[in-house]
Amino acid sequence: MSVSVSNEAASEARHAAPPARSLFSGKVATVSGSVLVLLGFLAIWEWGPGLLNMPEFILPRFSRVVQEFGHMWQNSDLLMHSGITAFEVIVGFILGALLGLVVGVVLGLSPRTESILSPYILALQIAPKVAFAPLFVMWLGYTIYPKILVAILIVFFPVMINVLSAVRTVDPDMVNLVRTLNAGRWQIFRLVEFPSALPALFSGLRIASTLAVIGVTVGELVGGNLGLGFLLVDGEGQGNTAAVFVTIAMLTLIGIIAYAGVVWAEKRVLHYLPRASTTTV
């Protein structure tokens, strides 16, 4: 009997091994493909402008951008400006996400409140955020606060809409089940409605993490003497295209880090949800 059990266990182990190898090889292939695409893009960027006789003020070579990065790092306080922009992005993202979460929950739980406030929230969303940036600068001066406010406005709406939709589509059977256990209104929200809204919340946060960078950059472009937006305007004023590319790269890096932070938090919070193991591509 024990021999039969051990044989079955060995057979199961043999059958389980190939998927692990297949998964590992799939990850290696994905990473290798991404690296090859990146190398190909950099190669085209390095030698393409020369082959096309393109002036440097239009599209500098990649090596020229790297050289300008070193120059700005040493002489233009690139790290300091990047840190200021990152701080504004983090604060604007957190405050905008919290505001969107609270308003989304309130509107989701109270349809009457949504009917009253939705026209004004929609009007605020439709209004171009770029138009608010000069107004905030006039009110608050050339400080970090106008940039944070623009980021809050941009982050607020996607988070609010996702949370509102999720709260409205909670399974009524789950709510009724908790009610049969004599749960109060707060317990229903804490045990059913809020957990059900978490996947939609993180979907909104993914979008908001990238929009926060846009909001802060718009605020810095309109008015300010600090941050990557200031360096962007400064490079454009000097006709230094390489400096503009360096600034864009740093803004992109901040956005990637913010997005990765949301993905990391999502995996930790929603670890209990099943993940698709296959792709459609």
C-alpha atoms as a PDB file:
ATOM      1  CA  MET A   1       0.000   0.000   0.000  1.00  0.00           C
ATOM      2  CA  SER A   2       2.780   2.442   0.914  1.00  0.00           C
ATOM      3  CA  VAL A   3       4.604   1.634  -2.340  1.00  0.00           C
ATOM      4  CA  SER A   4       1.469   2.435  -4.309  1.00  0.00           C
ATOM      5  CA  VAL A   5       1.027   5.755  -2.494  1.00  0.00           C
ATOM      6  CA  SER A   6       4.663   6.714  -3.072  1.00  0.00           C
ATOM      7  CA  ASN A   7       4.372   5.856  -6.765  1.00  0.00           C
ATOM      8  CA  GLU A   8       1.286   8.030  -7.049  1.00  0.00           C
ATOM      9  CA  ALA A   9       3.083  10.896  -5.294  1.00  0.00           C
ATOM     10  CA  ALA A  10       6.075  10.574  -7.637  1.00  0.00           C
ATOM     11  CA  SER A  11       3.749  10.549 -10.623  1.00  0.00           C
ATOM     12  CA  GLU A  12       2.007  13.701  -9.422  1.00  0.00           C
ATOM     13  CA  ALA A  13       5.368  15.408  -8.868  1.00  0.00           C
ATOM     14  CA  ARG A  14       6.473  14.541 -12.408  1.00  0.00           C
ATOM     15  CA  HIS A  15       3.250  15.949 -13.818  1.00  0.00           C
ATOM     16  CA  ALA A  16       3.521  19.101 -11.692  1.00  0.00           C
ATOM     17  CA  ALA A  17       7.117  19.886 -12.707  1.00  0.00           C
ATOM     18  CA  PRO A  18       6.570  20.863 -16.384  1.00  0.00           C
ATOM     19  CA  PRO A  19       4.138  23.731 -15.614  1.00  0.00           C
ATOM     20  CA  ALA A  20       6.716  25.274 -13.269  1.00  0.00           C
ATOM     21  CA  ARG A  21       9.407  25.063 -15.941  1.00  0.00           C
ATOM     22  CA  SER A  22       6.960  26.359 -18.515  1.00  0.00           C
ATOM     23  CA  LEU A  23       6.044  29.286 -16.289  1.00  0.00           C
ATOM     24  CA  PHE A  24       9.705  30.102 -15.673  1.00  0.00           C
ATOM     25  CA  SER A  25      10.571  29.919 -19.347  1.00  0.00           C
ATOM     26  CA  GLY A  26       7.541  32.092 -20.140  1.00  0.00           C
ATOM     27  CA  LYS A  27       8.765  34.791 -17.766  1.00  0.00           C
ATOM     28  CA  VAL A  28      12.258  34.615 -19.234  1.00  0.00           C
ATOM     29  CA  ALA A  29      10.857  34.961 -22.739  1.00  0.00           C
ATOM     30  CA  THR A  30       8.744  37.939 -21.691  1.00  0.00           C
ATOM     31  CA  VAL A  31      11.645  39.737 -20.020  1.00  0.00           C
ATOM     32  CA  SER A  32      13.965  38.943 -22.919  1.00  0.00           C
ATOM     33  CA  GLY A  33      11.434  40.277 -25.409  1.00  0.00           C
ATOM     34  CA  SER A  34      11.003  43.490 -23.429  1.00  0.00           C
ATOM     35  CA  VAL A  35      14.780  43.984 -23.210  1.00  0.00           C
ATOM     36  CA  LEU A  36      15.170  43.421 -26.962  1.00  0.00           C
ATOM     37  CA  VAL A  37      12.451  45.968 -27.709  1.00  0.00           C
ATOM     38  CA  LEU A  38      14.175  48.475 -25.423  1.00  0.00           C
ATOM     39  CA  LEU A  39      17.580  47.864 -27.006  1.00  0.00           C
ATOM     40  CA  GLY A  40      16.102  48.198 -30.485  1.00  0.00           C
ATOM     41  CA  PHE A  41      14.404  51.458 -29.542  1.00  0.00           C
ATOM     42  CA  LEU A  42      17.625  52.880 -28.069  1.00  0.00           C
ATOM     43  CA  ALA A  43      19.605  51.800 -31.131  1.00  0.00           C
ATOM     44  CA  ILE A  44      17.163  53.568 -33.456  1.00  0.00           C
ATOM     45  CA  TRP A  45      17.283  56.638 -31.220  1.00  0.00           C
ATOM     46  CA  GLU A  46      21.091  56.658 -31.240  1.00  0.00           C
ATOM     47  CA  TRP A  47      21.755  56.187 -34.947  1.00  0.00           C
ATOM     48  CA  GLY A  48      18.428  57.162 -36.540  1.00  0.00           C
ATOM     49  CA  PRO A  49      18.829  60.963 -36.310  1.00  0.00           C
ATOM     50  CA  GLY A  50      22.287  60.783 -37.911  1.00  0.00           C
ATOM     51  CA  LEU A  51      21.070  58.600 -40.775  1.00  0.00           C
ATOM     52  CA  LEU A  52      18.199  61.013 -41.402  1.00  0.00           C
ATOM     53  CA  ASN A  53      20.478  64.078 -41.082  1.00  0.00           C
ATOM     54  CA  MET A  54      18.193  65.398 -38.358  1.00  0.00           C
ATOM     55  CA  PRO A  55      19.442  68.478 -36.467  1.00  0.00           C
ATOM     56  CA  GLU A  56      20.206  67.998 -32.790  1.00  0.00           C
ATOM     57  CA  PHE A  57      17.795  70.728 -31.715  1.00  0.00           C
ATOM     58  CA  ILE A  58      14.968  68.624 -33.158  1.00  0.00           C
ATOM     59  CA  LEU A  59      15.959  65.145 -32.010  1.00  0.00           C
ATOM     60  CA  PRO A  60      19.276  64.661 -30.205  1.00  0.00           C
ATOM     61  CA  ARG A  61      20.977  61.276 -30.125  1.00  0.00           C
ATOM     62  CA  PHE A  62      20.458  59.050 -27.084  1.00  0.00           C
ATOM     63  CA  SER A  63      24.099  59.441 -26.068  1.00  0.00           C
ATOM     64  CA  ARG A  64      23.648  63.228 -26.136  1.00  0.00           C
ATOM     65  CA  VAL A  65      20.651  62.936 -23.813  1.00  0.00           C
ATOM     66  CA  VAL A  66      22.685  60.749 -21.438  1.00  0.00           C
ATOM     67  CA  GLN A  67      25.458  63.345 -21.499  1.00  0.00           C
ATOM     68  CA  GLU A  68      22.943  66.091 -20.721  1.00  0.00           C
ATOM     69  CA  PHE A  69      21.558  63.993 -17.865  1.00  0.00           C
ATOM     70  CA  GLY A  70      25.015  63.943 -16.256  1.00  0.00           C
ATOM     71  CA  HIS A  71      25.387  67.679 -16.759  1.00  0.00           C
ATOM     72  CA  MET A  72      21.978  68.444 -15.228  1.00  0.00           C
ATOM     73  CA  TRP A  73      22.638  66.078 -12.334  1.00  0.00           C
ATOM     74  CA  GLN A  74      25.794  67.991 -11.436  1.00  0.00           C
ATOM     75  CA  ASN A  75      24.875  71.570 -12.327  1.00  0.00           C
ATOM     76  CA  SER A  76      21.063  71.925 -12.423  1.00  0.00           C
ATOM     77  CA  ASP A  77      20.024  70.252  -9.154  1.00  0.00           C
ATOM     78  CA  LEU A  78      18.129  67.591 -11.103  1.00  0.00           C
ATOM     79  CA  LEU A  79      17.768  65.388  -8.033  1.00  0.00           C
ATOM     80  CA  MET A  80      16.344  68.235  -5.949  1.00  0.00           C
ATOM     81  CA  HIS A  81      13.809  69.218  -8.618  1.00  0.00           C
ATOM     82  CA  SER A  82      12.841  65.563  -9.096  1.00  0.00           C
ATOM     83  CA  GLY A  83      12.332  65.171  -5.348  1.00  0.00           C
ATOM     84  CA  ILE A  84      10.052  68.208  -5.216  1.00  0.00           C
ATOM     85  CA  THR A  85       7.939  66.935  -8.103  1.00  0.00           C
ATOM     86  CA  ALA A  86       7.770  63.448  -6.559  1.00  0.00           C
ATOM     87  CA  PHE A  87       6.658  64.931  -3.232  1.00  0.00           C
ATOM     88  CA  GLU A  88       3.912  66.943  -4.936  1.00  0.00           C
ATOM     89  CA  VAL A  89       2.781  63.844  -6.838  1.00  0.00           C
ATOM     90  CA  ILE A  90       2.617  61.726  -3.676  1.00  0.00           C
ATOM     91  CA  VAL A  91       0.711  64.327  -1.645  1.00  0.00           C
ATOM     92  CA  GLY A  92      -1.679  65.166  -4.492  1.00  0.00           C
ATOM     93  CA  PHE A  93      -2.288  61.493  -5.208  1.00  0.00           C
ATOM     94  CA  ILE A  94      -2.985  60.581  -1.569  1.00  0.00           C
ATOM     95  CA  LEU A  95      -5.282  63.544  -0.911  1.00  0.00           C
ATOM     96  CA  GLY A  96      -7.122  63.164  -4.218  1.00  0.00           C
ATOM     97  CA  ALA A  97      -7.563  59.421  -3.687  1.00  0.00           C
ATOM     98  CA  LEU A  98      -8.890  59.913  -0.151  1.00  0.00           C
ATOM     99  CA  LEU A  99     -11.304  62.596  -1.337  1.00  0.00           C
ATOM    100  CA  GLY A 100     -12.477  60.411  -4.214  1.00  0.00           C
ATOM    101  CA  LEU A 101     -12.915  57.440  -1.877  1.00  0.00           C
ATOM    102  CA  VAL A 102     -14.985  59.381   0.648  1.00  0.00           C
ATOM    103  CA  VAL A 103     -17.186  61.094  -1.949  1.00  0.00           C
ATOM    104  CA  GLY A 104     -17.614  57.854  -3.903  1.00  0.00           C
ATOM    105  CA  VAL A 105     -18.755  55.975  -0.806  1.00  0.00           C
ATOM    106  CA  VAL A 106     -21.148  58.757   0.245  1.00  0.00           C
ATOM    107  CA  LEU A 107     -22.704  59.021  -3.211  1.00  0.00           C
ATOM    108  CA  GLY A 108     -22.849  55.264  -3.576  1.00  0.00           C
ATOM    109  CA  LEU A 109     -24.715  54.824  -0.303  1.00  0.00           C
ATOM    110  CA  SER A 110     -27.028  57.785  -0.893  1.00  0.00           C
ATOM    111  CA  PRO A 111     -28.631  57.978  -4.369  1.00  0.00           C
ATOM    112  CA  ARG A 112     -30.427  61.192  -3.394  1.00  0.00           C
ATOM    113  CA  THR A 113     -27.123  62.861  -2.552  1.00  0.00           C
ATOM    114  CA  GLU A 114     -25.711  61.715  -5.883  1.00  0.00           C
ATOM    115  CA  SER A 115     -28.687  63.218  -7.725  1.00  0.00           C
ATOM    116  CA  ILE A 116     -28.099  66.545  -6.002  1.00  0.00           C
ATOM    117  CA  LEU A 117     -24.315  66.733  -6.407  1.00  0.00           C
ATOM    118  CA  SER A 118     -23.644  64.835  -9.646  1.00  0.00           C
ATOM    119  CA  PRO A 119     -24.244  67.843 -11.997  1.00  0.00           C
ATOM    120  CA  TYR A 120     -21.670  69.917 -10.112  1.00  0.00           C
ATOM    121  CA  ILE A 121     -19.137  67.091  -9.893  1.00  0.00           C
ATOM    122  CA  LEU A 122     -19.572  66.447 -13.617  1.00  0.00           C
ATOM    123  CA  ALA A 123     -19.103  70.141 -14.393  1.00  0.00           C
ATOM    124  CA  LEU A 124     -15.917  70.167 -12.302  1.00  0.00           C
ATOM    125  CA  GLN A 125     -14.614  67.186 -14.226  1.00  0.00           C
ATOM    126  CA  ILE A 126     -15.489  68.624 -17.640  1.00  0.00           C
ATOM    127  CA  ALA A 127     -13.780  71.936 -16.900  1.00  0.00           C
ATOM    128  CA  PRO A 128     -10.165  71.758 -18.185  1.00  0.00           C
ATOM    129  CA  LYS A 129      -7.753  71.361 -15.305  1.00  0.00           C
ATOM    130  CA  VAL A 130      -5.157  73.478 -17.094  1.00  0.00           C
ATOM    131  CA  ALA A 131      -7.512  76.426 -16.695  1.00  0.00           C
ATOM    132  CA  PHE A 132      -7.487  76.028 -12.911  1.00  0.00           C
ATOM    133  CA  ALA A 133      -3.696  76.108 -12.603  1.00  0.00           C
ATOM    134  CA  PRO A 134      -3.281  79.879 -13.219  1.00  0.00           C
ATOM    135  CA  LEU A 135      -6.135  80.550 -10.829  1.00  0.00           C
ATOM    136  CA  PHE A 136      -4.510  78.503  -8.088  1.00  0.00           C
ATOM    137  CA  VAL A 137      -1.207  80.299  -8.691  1.00  0.00           C
ATOM    138  CA  MET A 138      -2.972  83.668  -8.314  1.00  0.00           C
ATOM    139  CA  TRP A 139      -4.540  82.511  -5.053  1.00  0.00           C
ATOM    140  CA  LEU A 140      -1.623  80.673  -3.466  1.00  0.00           C
ATOM    141  CA  GLY A 141       1.434  82.109  -5.170  1.00  0.00           C
ATOM    142  CA  TYR A 142       4.424  80.277  -6.640  1.00  0.00           C
ATOM    143  CA  THR A 143       4.414  77.518  -4.020  1.00  0.00           C
ATOM    144  CA  ILE A 144       3.828  73.778  -4.082  1.00  0.00           C
ATOM    145  CA  TYR A 145       0.160  74.169  -3.178  1.00  0.00           C
ATOM    146  CA  PRO A 146      -1.206  75.047  -6.660  1.00  0.00           C
ATOM    147  CA  LYS A 147       0.504  71.957  -8.108  1.00  0.00           C
ATOM    148  CA  ILE A 148      -0.925  69.719  -5.397  1.00  0.00           C
ATOM    149  CA  LEU A 149      -4.424  71.154  -5.927  1.00  0.00           C
ATOM    150  CA  VAL A 150      -4.311  70.459  -9.664  1.00  0.00           C
ATOM    151  CA  ALA A 151      -3.181  66.893  -8.937  1.00  0.00           C
ATOM    152  CA  ILE A 152      -6.047  66.459  -6.448  1.00  0.00           C
ATOM    153  CA  LEU A 153      -8.578  67.606  -9.034  1.00  0.00           C
ATOM    154  CA  ILE A 154      -7.271  65.175 -11.651  1.00  0.00           C
ATOM    155  CA  VAL A 155      -6.944  62.215  -9.267  1.00  0.00           C
ATOM    156  CA  PHE A 156     -10.339  62.715  -7.623  1.00  0.00           C
ATOM    157  CA  PHE A 157     -12.702  61.813 -10.455  1.00  0.00           C
ATOM    158  CA  PRO A 158     -11.484  58.347 -11.574  1.00  0.00           C
ATOM    159  CA  VAL A 159     -11.253  57.152  -7.968  1.00  0.00           C
ATOM    160  CA  MET A 160     -14.686  58.545  -7.121  1.00  0.00           C
ATOM    161  CA  ILE A 161     -16.394  57.022 -10.168  1.00  0.00           C
ATOM    162  CA  ASN A 162     -14.873  53.581  -9.600  1.00  0.00           C
ATOM    163  CA  VAL A 163     -15.808  53.499  -5.919  1.00  0.00           C
ATOM    164  CA  LEU A 164     -19.308  54.808  -6.624  1.00  0.00           C
ATOM    165  CA  SER A 165     -19.941  52.138  -9.256  1.00  0.00           C
ATOM    166  CA  ALA A 166     -18.550  49.387  -7.025  1.00  0.00           C
ATOM    167  CA  VAL A 167     -20.671  50.359  -4.013  1.00  0.00           C
ATOM    168  CA  ARG A 168     -23.778  50.461  -6.199  1.00  0.00           C
ATOM    169  CA  THR A 169     -23.167  46.995  -7.630  1.00  0.00           C
ATOM    170  CA  VAL A 170     -22.594  45.129  -4.360  1.00  0.00           C
ATOM    171  CA  ASP A 171     -24.282  41.713  -4.332  1.00  0.00           C
ATOM    172  CA  PRO A 172     -27.635  42.276  -2.552  1.00  0.00           C
ATOM    173  CA  ASP A 173     -27.701  38.656  -1.382  1.00  0.00           C
ATOM    174  CA  MET A 174     -24.518  39.255   0.604  1.00  0.00           C
ATOM    175  CA  VAL A 175     -26.033  42.355   2.177  1.00  0.00           C
ATOM    176  CA  ASN A 176     -29.205  40.480   3.094  1.00  0.00           C
ATOM    177  CA  LEU A 177     -27.154  37.634   4.534  1.00  0.00           C
ATOM    178  CA  VAL A 178     -25.268  39.980   6.836  1.00  0.00           C
ATOM    179  CA  ARG A 179     -28.520  41.666   7.821  1.00  0.00           C
ATOM    180  CA  THR A 180     -29.990  38.337   8.891  1.00  0.00           C
ATOM    181  CA  LEU A 181     -27.082  38.130  11.347  1.00  0.00           C
ATOM    182  CA  ASN A 182     -28.273  41.404  12.946  1.00  0.00           C
ATOM    183  CA  ALA A 183     -25.436  43.455  11.449  1.00  0.00           C
ATOM    184  CA  GLY A 184     -25.711  47.227  11.748  1.00  0.00           C
ATOM    185  CA  ARG A 185     -25.212  49.751   8.959  1.00  0.00           C
ATOM    186  CA  TRP A 186     -21.518  50.244   9.755  1.00  0.00           C
ATOM    187  CA  GLN A 187     -20.944  46.486   9.900  1.00  0.00           C
ATOM    188  CA  ILE A 188     -22.612  46.004   6.503  1.00  0.00           C
ATOM    189  CA  PHE A 189     -20.316  48.640   5.028  1.00  0.00           C
ATOM    190  CA  ARG A 190     -17.194  47.270   6.728  1.00  0.00           C
ATOM    191  CA  LEU A 191     -17.844  43.588   6.026  1.00  0.00           C
ATOM    192  CA  VAL A 192     -19.525  43.662   2.601  1.00  0.00           C
ATOM    193  CA  GLU A 193     -19.642  46.972   0.761  1.00  0.00           C
ATOM    194  CA  PHE A 194     -16.118  48.262   1.320  1.00  0.00           C
ATOM    195  CA  PRO A 195     -14.352  44.923   0.615  1.00  0.00           C
ATOM    196  CA  SER A 196     -16.437  44.575  -2.551  1.00  0.00           C
ATOM    197  CA  ALA A 197     -15.334  48.032  -3.675  1.00  0.00           C
ATOM    198  CA  LEU A 198     -11.603  47.392  -3.180  1.00  0.00           C
ATOM    199  CA  PRO A 199     -10.889  45.915  -6.660  1.00  0.00           C
ATOM    200  CA  ALA A 200     -12.583  48.883  -8.330  1.00  0.00           C
ATOM    201  CA  LEU A 201     -10.791  51.253  -5.967  1.00  0.00           C
ATOM    202  CA  PHE A 202      -7.384  49.928  -6.979  1.00  0.00           C
ATOM    203  CA  SER A 203      -8.343  50.120 -10.647  1.00  0.00           C
ATOM    204  CA  GLY A 204      -9.066  53.799 -10.124  1.00  0.00           C
ATOM    205  CA  LEU A 205      -5.834  54.239  -8.187  1.00  0.00           C
ATOM    206  CA  ARG A 206      -3.826  52.777 -11.076  1.00  0.00           C
ATOM    207  CA  ILE A 207      -5.239  55.409 -13.403  1.00  0.00           C
ATOM    208  CA  ALA A 208      -4.912  58.148 -10.808  1.00  0.00           C
ATOM    209  CA  SER A 209      -1.242  57.391 -10.114  1.00  0.00           C
ATOM    210  CA  THR A 210      -0.337  58.391 -13.668  1.00  0.00           C
ATOM    211  CA  LEU A 211      -2.734  61.327 -13.800  1.00  0.00           C
ATOM    212  CA  ALA A 212      -1.179  62.790 -10.654  1.00  0.00           C
ATOM    213  CA  VAL A 213       2.093  63.280 -12.531  1.00  0.00           C
ATOM    214  CA  ILE A 214       0.233  65.112 -15.292  1.00  0.00           C
ATOM    215  CA  GLY A 215      -1.514  67.376 -12.792  1.00  0.00           C
ATOM    216  CA  VAL A 216       1.682  68.334 -10.998  1.00  0.00           C
ATOM    217  CA  THR A 217       3.515  68.946 -14.275  1.00  0.00           C
ATOM    218  CA  VAL A 218       0.735  71.220 -15.514  1.00  0.00           C
ATOM    219  CA  GLY A 219       0.925  73.215 -12.299  1.00  0.00           C
ATOM    220  CA  GLU A 220       4.700  73.536 -12.560  1.00  0.00           C
ATOM    221  CA  LEU A 221       4.499  74.581 -16.207  1.00  0.00           C
ATOM    222  CA  VAL A 222       2.042  77.353 -15.435  1.00  0.00           C
ATOM    223  CA  GLY A 223       3.947  78.868 -12.562  1.00  0.00           C
ATOM    224  CA  GLY A 224       6.865  77.915 -10.405  1.00  0.00           C
ATOM    225  CA  ASN A 225      10.597  78.026 -10.045  1.00  0.00           C
ATOM    226  CA  LEU A 226      11.044  74.510  -8.688  1.00  0.00           C
ATOM    227  CA  GLY A 227      10.285  71.014  -9.936  1.00  0.00           C
ATOM    228  CA  LEU A 228      10.701  69.168 -13.195  1.00  0.00           C
ATOM    229  CA  GLY A 229       8.069  71.328 -14.869  1.00  0.00           C
ATOM    230  CA  PHE A 230      10.309  74.329 -14.259  1.00  0.00           C
ATOM    231  CA  LEU A 231      13.267  72.493 -15.806  1.00  0.00           C
ATOM    232  CA  LEU A 232      11.050  71.597 -18.756  1.00  0.00           C
ATOM    233  CA  VAL A 233      10.210  75.253 -19.386  1.00  0.00           C
ATOM    234  CA  ASP A 234      13.828  76.259 -18.804  1.00  0.00           C
ATOM    235  CA  GLY A 235      15.129  73.710 -21.316  1.00  0.00           C
ATOM    236  CA  GLU A 236      12.544  74.776 -23.894  1.00  0.00           C
ATOM    237  CA  GLY A 237      13.445  78.449 -23.409  1.00  0.00           C
ATOM    238  CA  GLN A 238      17.121  77.698 -24.044  1.00  0.00           C
ATOM    239  CA  GLY A 239      16.388  75.521 -27.058  1.00  0.00           C
ATOM    240  CA  ASN A 240      18.034  72.614 -25.217  1.00  0.00           C
ATOM    241  CA  THR A 241      16.089  69.648 -26.576  1.00  0.00           C
ATOM    242  CA  ALA A 242      18.283  67.142 -24.733  1.00  0.00           C
ATOM    243  CA  ALA A 243      17.361  68.755 -21.399  1.00  0.00           C
ATOM    244  CA  VAL A 244      13.685  68.491 -22.317  1.00  0.00           C
ATOM    245  CA  PHE A 245      14.126  64.769 -22.998  1.00  0.00           C
ATOM    246  CA  VAL A 246      15.921  64.315 -19.671  1.00  0.00           C
ATOM    247  CA  THR A 247      13.062  66.015 -17.845  1.00  0.00           C
ATOM    248  CA  ILE A 248      10.457  63.930 -19.658  1.00  0.00           C
ATOM    249  CA  ALA A 249      12.382  60.780 -18.726  1.00  0.00           C
ATOM    250  CA  MET A 250      12.429  61.771 -15.049  1.00  0.00           C
ATOM    251  CA  LEU A 251       8.702  62.519 -15.084  1.00  0.00           C
ATOM    252  CA  THR A 252       8.085  59.144 -16.687  1.00  0.00           C
ATOM    253  CA  LEU A 253      10.204  57.455 -14.025  1.00  0.00           C
ATOM    254  CA  ILE A 254       8.190  59.101 -11.252  1.00  0.00           C
ATOM    255  CA  GLY A 255       4.965  57.937 -12.909  1.00  0.00           C
ATOM    256  CA  ILE A 256       6.272  54.383 -13.244  1.00  0.00           C
ATOM    257  CA  ILE A 257       7.294  54.296  -9.578  1.00  0.00           C
ATOM    258  CA  ALA A 258       3.887  55.631  -8.509  1.00  0.00           C
ATOM    259  CA  TYR A 259       2.087  53.055 -10.647  1.00  0.00           C
ATOM    260  CA  ALA A 260       4.319  50.255  -9.356  1.00  0.00           C
ATOM    261  CA  GLY A 261       3.566  51.328  -5.793  1.00  0.00           C
ATOM    262  CA  VAL A 262      -0.170  51.003  -6.428  1.00  0.00           C
ATOM    263  CA  VAL A 263       0.308  47.576  -8.030  1.00  0.00           C
ATOM    264  CA  TRP A 264       2.414  46.445  -5.052  1.00  0.00           C
ATOM    265  CA  ALA A 265      -0.240  47.602  -2.583  1.00  0.00           C
ATOM    266  CA  GLU A 266      -2.972  45.964  -4.643  1.00  0.00           C
ATOM    267  CA  LYS A 267      -1.200  42.614  -4.574  1.00  0.00           C
ATOM    268  CA  ARG A 268      -0.797  42.849  -0.799  1.00  0.00           C
ATOM    269  CA  VAL A 269      -4.384  43.896  -0.117  1.00  0.00           C
ATOM    270  CA  LEU A 270      -6.170  41.764  -2.741  1.00  0.00           C
ATOM    271  CA  HIS A 271      -3.964  38.695  -2.461  1.00  0.00           C
ATOM    272  CA  TYR A 272      -7.056  36.529  -1.913  1.00  0.00           C
ATOM    273  CA  LEU A 273      -8.469  37.208  -5.392  1.00  0.00           C
ATOM    274  CA  PRO A 274      -7.732  34.628  -8.116  1.00  0.00           C
ATOM    275  CA  ARG A 275      -5.335  35.683 -10.867  1.00  0.00           C
ATOM    276  CA  ALA A 276      -5.561  34.652 -14.484  1.00  0.00           C
ATOM    277  CA  SER A 277      -2.674  32.355 -15.400  1.00  0.00           C
ATOM    278  CA  THR A 278      -3.114  32.693 -19.169  1.00  0.00           C
ATOM    279  CA  THR A 279      -3.186  35.573 -21.599  1.00  0.00           C
ATOM    280  CA  THR A 280      -5.227  36.179 -24.724  1.00  0.00           C
ATOM    281  CA  VAL A 281      -2.263  37.391 -26.773  1.00  0.00           C
END
